[in-house]
Amino acid sequence: MKRKRRLAWRRWETWVGAMLCGLAALLGNWLGHDFRHPQLGALVGGIAGSLLLSRMTRHVIRRHYTHDPG
């Protein structure tokens, strides 16, 4: 599984997931600024972005690196 995760970084979808992860943290920080809790907003945004990155990576592995012999 580790090898597949490393191979997933060769696909553009994984890189888009990583960028969306950072953007979610940035958005959370920005929204948290309005409520005077930018660190909490960044934390929530980072968690949401990490979940998104995890889902994108799983999608890439399932789509490109799982071979169906049948």
PDB file of N, CA and C in Angstrom:
ATOM      1  N   MET A   1       0.820  -1.197   0.000  1.00  0.00           N
ATOM      2  CA  MET A   1       0.000   0.000   0.000  1.00  0.00           C
ATOM      3  C   MET A   1       0.862   1.259   0.000  1.00  0.00           C
ATOM      4  N   LYS A   2       1.994   1.216   0.730  1.00  0.00           N
ATOM      5  CA  LYS A   2       2.874   2.379   0.751  1.00  0.00           C
ATOM      6  C   LYS A   2       3.374   2.715  -0.644  1.00  0.00           C
ATOM      7  N   ARG A   3       3.713   1.687  -1.397  1.00  0.00           N
ATOM      8  CA  ARG A   3       4.214   1.893  -2.758  1.00  0.00           C
ATOM      9  C   ARG A   3       3.139   2.542  -3.630  1.00  0.00           C
ATOM     10  N   LYS A   4       1.907   2.101  -3.478  1.00  0.00           N
ATOM     11  CA  LYS A   4       0.814   2.675  -4.261  1.00  0.00           C
ATOM     12  C   LYS A   4       0.598   4.140  -3.910  1.00  0.00           C
ATOM     13  N   ARG A   5       0.726   4.470  -2.620  1.00  0.00           N
ATOM     14  CA  ARG A   5       0.571   5.873  -2.218  1.00  0.00           C
ATOM     15  C   ARG A   5       1.682   6.728  -2.817  1.00  0.00           C
ATOM     16  N   ARG A   6       2.896   6.171  -2.861  1.00  0.00           N
ATOM     17  CA  ARG A   6       3.993   6.913  -3.473  1.00  0.00           C
ATOM     18  C   ARG A   6       3.760   7.081  -4.973  1.00  0.00           C
ATOM     19  N   LEU A   7       3.259   6.043  -5.611  1.00  0.00           N
ATOM     20  CA  LEU A   7       2.979   6.126  -7.048  1.00  0.00           C
ATOM     21  C   LEU A   7       1.845   7.101  -7.356  1.00  0.00           C
ATOM     22  N   ALA A   8       0.931   7.266  -6.410  1.00  0.00           N
ATOM     23  CA  ALA A   8      -0.207   8.164  -6.636  1.00  0.00           C
ATOM     24  C   ALA A   8       0.252   9.600  -6.873  1.00  0.00           C
ATOM     25  N   TRP A   9       1.427   9.976  -6.339  1.00  0.00           N
ATOM     26  CA  TRP A   9       1.927  11.340  -6.521  1.00  0.00           C
ATOM     27  C   TRP A   9       2.387  11.596  -7.947  1.00  0.00           C
ATOM     28  N   ARG A  10       2.394  10.584  -8.781  1.00  0.00           N
ATOM     29  CA  ARG A  10       2.727  10.776 -10.196  1.00  0.00           C
ATOM     30  C   ARG A  10       1.526  11.233 -11.018  1.00  0.00           C
ATOM     31  N   ARG A  11       0.374  11.239 -10.421  1.00  0.00           N
ATOM     32  CA  ARG A  11      -0.860  11.627 -11.112  1.00  0.00           C
ATOM     33  C   ARG A  11      -1.281  13.036 -10.726  1.00  0.00           C
ATOM     34  N   TRP A  12      -1.873  13.730 -11.676  1.00  0.00           N
ATOM     35  CA  TRP A  12      -2.238  15.127 -11.444  1.00  0.00           C
ATOM     36  C   TRP A  12      -3.365  15.267 -10.429  1.00  0.00           C
ATOM     37  N   GLU A  13      -4.222  14.252 -10.324  1.00  0.00           N
ATOM     38  CA  GLU A  13      -5.347  14.354  -9.412  1.00  0.00           C
ATOM     39  C   GLU A  13      -4.874  14.481  -7.963  1.00  0.00           C
ATOM     40  N   THR A  14      -3.791  13.797  -7.624  1.00  0.00           N
ATOM     41  CA  THR A  14      -3.266  13.870  -6.269  1.00  0.00           C
ATOM     42  C   THR A  14      -2.730  15.271  -5.976  1.00  0.00           C
ATOM     43  N   TRP A  15      -2.073  15.864  -6.957  1.00  0.00           N
ATOM     44  CA  TRP A  15      -1.540  17.218  -6.772  1.00  0.00           C
ATOM     45  C   TRP A  15      -2.665  18.238  -6.634  1.00  0.00           C
ATOM     46  N   VAL A  16      -3.745  18.028  -7.362  1.00  0.00           N
ATOM     47  CA  VAL A  16      -4.906  18.917  -7.205  1.00  0.00           C
ATOM     48  C   VAL A  16      -5.480  18.767  -5.797  1.00  0.00           C
ATOM     49  N   GLY A  17      -5.532  17.538  -5.294  1.00  0.00           N
ATOM     50  CA  GLY A  17      -5.998  17.318  -3.927  1.00  0.00           C
ATOM     51  C   GLY A  17      -5.118  18.018  -2.907  1.00  0.00           C
ATOM     52  N   ALA A  18      -3.799  18.018  -3.125  1.00  0.00           N
ATOM     53  CA  ALA A  18      -2.873  18.694  -2.211  1.00  0.00           C
ATOM     54  C   ALA A  18      -3.087  20.209  -2.251  1.00  0.00           C
ATOM     55  N   MET A  19      -3.309  20.738  -3.440  1.00  0.00           N
ATOM     56  CA  MET A  19      -3.574  22.179  -3.540  1.00  0.00           C
ATOM     57  C   MET A  19      -4.902  22.547  -2.873  1.00  0.00           C
ATOM     58  N   LEU A  20      -5.913  21.698  -3.054  1.00  0.00           N
ATOM     59  CA  LEU A  20      -7.203  21.959  -2.409  1.00  0.00           C
ATOM     60  C   LEU A  20      -7.099  21.862  -0.894  1.00  0.00           C
ATOM     61  N   CYS A  21      -6.218  20.986  -0.411  1.00  0.00           N
ATOM     62  CA  CYS A  21      -5.987  20.877   1.032  1.00  0.00           C
ATOM     63  C   CYS A  21      -5.454  22.199   1.578  1.00  0.00           C
ATOM     64  N   GLY A  22      -4.462  22.755   0.913  1.00  0.00           N
ATOM     65  CA  GLY A  22      -3.917  24.045   1.332  1.00  0.00           C
ATOM     66  C   GLY A  22      -4.925  25.169   1.214  1.00  0.00           C
ATOM     67  N   LEU A  23      -5.702  25.153   0.149  1.00  0.00           N
ATOM     68  CA  LEU A  23      -6.720  26.188  -0.029  1.00  0.00           C
ATOM     69  C   LEU A  23      -7.810  26.095   1.033  1.00  0.00           C
ATOM     70  N   ALA A  24      -8.148  24.879   1.441  1.00  0.00           N
ATOM     71  CA  ALA A  24      -9.161  24.720   2.493  1.00  0.00           C
ATOM     72  C   ALA A  24      -8.648  25.292   3.817  1.00  0.00           C
ATOM     73  N   ALA A  25      -7.374  25.063   4.135  1.00  0.00           N
ATOM     74  CA  ALA A  25      -6.800  25.639   5.351  1.00  0.00           C
ATOM     75  C   ALA A  25      -6.762  27.162   5.268  1.00  0.00           C
ATOM     76  N   LEU A  26      -6.407  27.683   4.101  1.00  0.00           N
ATOM     77  CA  LEU A  26      -6.384  29.133   3.911  1.00  0.00           C
ATOM     78  C   LEU A  26      -7.779  29.726   4.049  1.00  0.00           C
ATOM     79  N   LEU A  27      -8.752  29.082   3.452  1.00  0.00           N
ATOM     80  CA  LEU A  27     -10.131  29.544   3.554  1.00  0.00           C
ATOM     81  C   LEU A  27     -10.624  29.486   4.996  1.00  0.00           C
ATOM     82  N   GLY A  28     -10.267  28.408   5.699  1.00  0.00           N
ATOM     83  CA  GLY A  28     -10.646  28.299   7.105  1.00  0.00           C
ATOM     84  C   GLY A  28     -10.023  29.402   7.937  1.00  0.00           C
ATOM     85  N   ASN A  29      -8.768  29.722   7.664  1.00  0.00           N
ATOM     86  CA  ASN A  29      -8.084  30.809   8.369  1.00  0.00           C
ATOM     87  C   ASN A  29      -8.770  32.139   8.087  1.00  0.00           C
ATOM     88  N   TRP A  30      -9.097  32.367   6.833  1.00  0.00           N
ATOM     89  CA  TRP A  30      -9.739  33.618   6.433  1.00  0.00           C
ATOM     90  C   TRP A  30     -11.115  33.765   7.085  1.00  0.00           C
ATOM     91  N   LEU A  31     -11.886  32.676   7.063  1.00  0.00           N
ATOM     92  CA  LEU A  31     -13.204  32.729   7.694  1.00  0.00           C
ATOM     93  C   LEU A  31     -13.080  32.827   9.215  1.00  0.00           C
ATOM     94  N   GLY A  32     -12.071  32.168   9.776  1.00  0.00           N
ATOM     95  CA  GLY A  32     -11.852  32.244  11.211  1.00  0.00           C
ATOM     96  C   GLY A  32     -11.466  33.633  11.666  1.00  0.00           C
ATOM     97  N   HIS A  33     -10.821  34.387  10.772  1.00  0.00           N
ATOM     98  CA  HIS A  33     -10.456  35.767  11.089  1.00  0.00           C
ATOM     99  C   HIS A  33     -11.702  36.611  11.375  1.00  0.00           C
ATOM    100  N   ASP A  34     -12.756  36.336  10.635  1.00  0.00           N
ATOM    101  CA  ASP A  34     -14.002  37.078  10.846  1.00  0.00           C
ATOM    102  C   ASP A  34     -14.591  36.809  12.226  1.00  0.00           C
ATOM    103  N   PHE A  35     -14.352  35.621  12.760  1.00  0.00           N
ATOM    104  CA  PHE A  35     -14.888  35.253  14.072  1.00  0.00           C
ATOM    105  C   PHE A  35     -13.823  35.337  15.168  1.00  0.00           C
ATOM    106  N   ARG A  36     -12.701  35.969  14.837  1.00  0.00           N
ATOM    107  CA  ARG A  36     -11.595  36.209  15.774  1.00  0.00           C
ATOM    108  C   ARG A  36     -10.949  34.924  16.291  1.00  0.00           C
ATOM    109  N   HIS A  37     -10.981  33.874  15.472  1.00  0.00           N
ATOM    110  CA  HIS A  37     -10.317  32.611  15.807  1.00  0.00           C
ATOM    111  C   HIS A  37      -9.645  32.046  14.551  1.00  0.00           C
ATOM    112  N   PRO A  38      -8.618  32.720  14.010  1.00  0.00           N
ATOM    113  CA  PRO A  38      -8.020  32.249  12.759  1.00  0.00           C
ATOM    114  C   PRO A  38      -7.330  30.889  12.896  1.00  0.00           C
ATOM    115  N   GLN A  39      -6.761  30.592  14.071  1.00  0.00           N
ATOM    116  CA  GLN A  39      -6.090  29.301  14.241  1.00  0.00           C
ATOM    117  C   GLN A  39      -7.108  28.164  14.226  1.00  0.00           C
ATOM    118  N   LEU A  40      -8.231  28.380  14.882  1.00  0.00           N
ATOM    119  CA  LEU A  40      -9.278  27.366  14.891  1.00  0.00           C
ATOM    120  C   LEU A  40      -9.843  27.166  13.486  1.00  0.00           C
ATOM    121  N   GLY A  41     -10.024  28.260  12.762  1.00  0.00           N
ATOM    122  CA  GLY A  41     -10.507  28.162  11.387  1.00  0.00           C
ATOM    123  C   GLY A  41      -9.528  27.422  10.497  1.00  0.00           C
ATOM    124  N   ALA A  42      -8.227  27.699  10.674  1.00  0.00           N
ATOM    125  CA  ALA A  42      -7.210  27.004   9.891  1.00  0.00           C
ATOM    126  C   ALA A  42      -7.179  25.520  10.241  1.00  0.00           C
ATOM    127  N   LEU A  43      -7.385  25.201  11.515  1.00  0.00           N
ATOM    128  CA  LEU A  43      -7.416  23.807  11.941  1.00  0.00           C
ATOM    129  C   LEU A  43      -8.576  23.062  11.290  1.00  0.00           C
ATOM    130  N   VAL A  44      -9.753  23.659  11.341  1.00  0.00           N
ATOM    131  CA  VAL A  44     -10.934  23.032  10.736  1.00  0.00           C
ATOM    132  C   VAL A  44     -10.750  22.916   9.221  1.00  0.00           C
ATOM    133  N   GLY A  45     -10.234  23.972   8.588  1.00  0.00           N
ATOM    134  CA  GLY A  45      -9.990  23.923   7.152  1.00  0.00           C
ATOM    135  C   GLY A  45      -8.927  22.895   6.791  1.00  0.00           C
ATOM    136  N   GLY A  46      -7.891  22.785   7.609  1.00  0.00           N
ATOM    137  CA  GLY A  46      -6.842  21.799   7.360  1.00  0.00           C
ATOM    138  C   GLY A  46      -7.353  20.378   7.492  1.00  0.00           C
ATOM    139  N   ILE A  47      -8.208  20.148   8.473  1.00  0.00           N
ATOM    140  CA  ILE A  47      -8.797  18.811   8.645  1.00  0.00           C
ATOM    141  C   ILE A  47      -9.681  18.472   7.447  1.00  0.00           C
ATOM    142  N   ALA A  48     -10.496  19.426   7.023  1.00  0.00           N
ATOM    143  CA  ALA A  48     -11.352  19.187   5.854  1.00  0.00           C
ATOM    144  C   ALA A  48     -10.502  18.962   4.607  1.00  0.00           C
ATOM    145  N   GLY A  49      -9.435  19.749   4.452  1.00  0.00           N
ATOM    146  CA  GLY A  49      -8.552  19.573   3.301  1.00  0.00           C
ATOM    147  C   GLY A  49      -7.816  18.253   3.327  1.00  0.00           C
ATOM    148  N   SER A  50      -7.403  17.815   4.514  1.00  0.00           N
ATOM    149  CA  SER A  50      -6.721  16.527   4.627  1.00  0.00           C
ATOM    150  C   SER A  50      -7.655  15.380   4.267  1.00  0.00           C
ATOM    151  N   LEU A  51      -8.908  15.505   4.676  1.00  0.00           N
ATOM    152  CA  LEU A  51      -9.899  14.501   4.306  1.00  0.00           C
ATOM    153  C   LEU A  51     -10.077  14.468   2.788  1.00  0.00           C
ATOM    154  N   LEU A  52     -10.122  15.629   2.182  1.00  0.00           N
ATOM    155  CA  LEU A  52     -10.247  15.720   0.733  1.00  0.00           C
ATOM    156  C   LEU A  52      -9.033  15.104   0.032  1.00  0.00           C
ATOM    157  N   LEU A  53      -7.832  15.394   0.524  1.00  0.00           N
ATOM    158  CA  LEU A  53      -6.621  14.822  -0.052  1.00  0.00           C
ATOM    159  C   LEU A  53      -6.618  13.307   0.079  1.00  0.00           C
ATOM    160  N   SER A  54      -7.046  12.811   1.216  1.00  0.00           N
ATOM    161  CA  SER A  54      -7.113  11.363   1.426  1.00  0.00           C
ATOM    162  C   SER A  54      -8.073  10.712   0.432  1.00  0.00           C
ATOM    163  N   ARG A  55      -9.223  11.330   0.234  1.00  0.00           N
ATOM    164  CA  ARG A  55     -10.206  10.789  -0.713  1.00  0.00           C
ATOM    165  C   ARG A  55      -9.677  10.821  -2.147  1.00  0.00           C
ATOM    166  N   MET A  56      -8.987  11.901  -2.511  1.00  0.00           N
ATOM    167  CA  MET A  56      -8.419  11.996  -3.863  1.00  0.00           C
ATOM    168  C   MET A  56      -7.354  10.933  -4.079  1.00  0.00           C
ATOM    169  N   THR A  57      -6.514  10.719  -3.059  1.00  0.00           N
ATOM    170  CA  THR A  57      -5.463   9.714  -3.174  1.00  0.00           C
ATOM    171  C   THR A  57      -6.065   8.325  -3.315  1.00  0.00           C
ATOM    172  N   ARG A  58      -7.085   8.031  -2.532  1.00  0.00           N
ATOM    173  CA  ARG A  58      -7.760   6.730  -2.656  1.00  0.00           C
ATOM    174  C   ARG A  58      -8.363   6.558  -4.042  1.00  0.00           C
ATOM    175  N   HIS A  59      -8.946   7.608  -4.555  1.00  0.00           N
ATOM    176  CA  HIS A  59      -9.531   7.555  -5.902  1.00  0.00           C
ATOM    177  C   HIS A  59      -8.466   7.237  -6.943  1.00  0.00           C
ATOM    178  N   VAL A  60      -7.321   7.907  -6.844  1.00  0.00           N
ATOM    179  CA  VAL A  60      -6.228   7.679  -7.800  1.00  0.00           C
ATOM    180  C   VAL A  60      -5.728   6.251  -7.699  1.00  0.00           C
ATOM    181  N   ILE A  61      -5.543   5.754  -6.487  1.00  0.00           N
ATOM    182  CA  ILE A  61      -5.055   4.388  -6.309  1.00  0.00           C
ATOM    183  C   ILE A  61      -6.059   3.391  -6.870  1.00  0.00           C
ATOM    184  N   ARG A  62      -7.338   3.591  -6.563  1.00  0.00           N
ATOM    185  CA  ARG A  62      -8.372   2.684  -7.057  1.00  0.00           C
ATOM    186  C   ARG A  62      -8.462   2.717  -8.580  1.00  0.00           C
ATOM    187  N   ARG A  63      -8.333   3.891  -9.142  1.00  0.00           N
ATOM    188  CA  ARG A  63      -8.522   4.026 -10.590  1.00  0.00           C
ATOM    189  C   ARG A  63      -7.311   3.584 -11.406  1.00  0.00           C
ATOM    190  N   HIS A  64      -6.102   3.897 -10.926  1.00  0.00           N
ATOM    191  CA  HIS A  64      -4.920   3.677 -11.750  1.00  0.00           C
ATOM    192  C   HIS A  64      -4.026   2.530 -11.304  1.00  0.00           C
ATOM    193  N   TYR A  65      -4.100   2.131 -10.041  1.00  0.00           N
ATOM    194  CA  TYR A  65      -3.126   1.151  -9.540  1.00  0.00           C
ATOM    195  C   TYR A  65      -3.747  -0.109  -8.973  1.00  0.00           C
ATOM    196  N   THR A  66      -5.001  -0.348  -9.224  1.00  0.00           N
ATOM    197  CA  THR A  66      -5.638  -1.593  -8.841  1.00  0.00           C
ATOM    198  C   THR A  66      -5.941  -2.347 -10.118  1.00  0.00           C
ATOM    199  N   HIS A  67      -5.271  -3.468 -10.275  1.00  0.00           N
ATOM    200  CA  HIS A  67      -5.445  -4.236 -11.505  1.00  0.00           C
ATOM    201  C   HIS A  67      -6.493  -5.308 -11.305  1.00  0.00           C
ATOM    202  N   ASP A  68      -7.427  -5.353 -12.214  1.00  0.00           N
ATOM    203  CA  ASP A  68      -8.478  -6.357 -12.181  1.00  0.00           C
ATOM    204  C   ASP A  68      -8.142  -7.437 -13.208  1.00  0.00           C
ATOM    205  N   PRO A  69      -7.782  -8.647 -12.743  1.00  0.00           N
ATOM    206  CA  PRO A  69      -7.370  -9.678 -13.687  1.00  0.00           C
ATOM    207  C   PRO A  69      -8.514 -10.199 -14.532  1.00  0.00           C
ATOM    208  N   GLY A  70      -9.745  -9.996 -14.077  1.00  0.00           N
ATOM    209  CA  GLY A  70     -10.868 -10.554 -14.803  1.00  0.00           C
ATOM    210  C   GLY A  70     -11.392  -9.598 -15.780  1.00  0.00           C
TER     211      GLY A  70
END
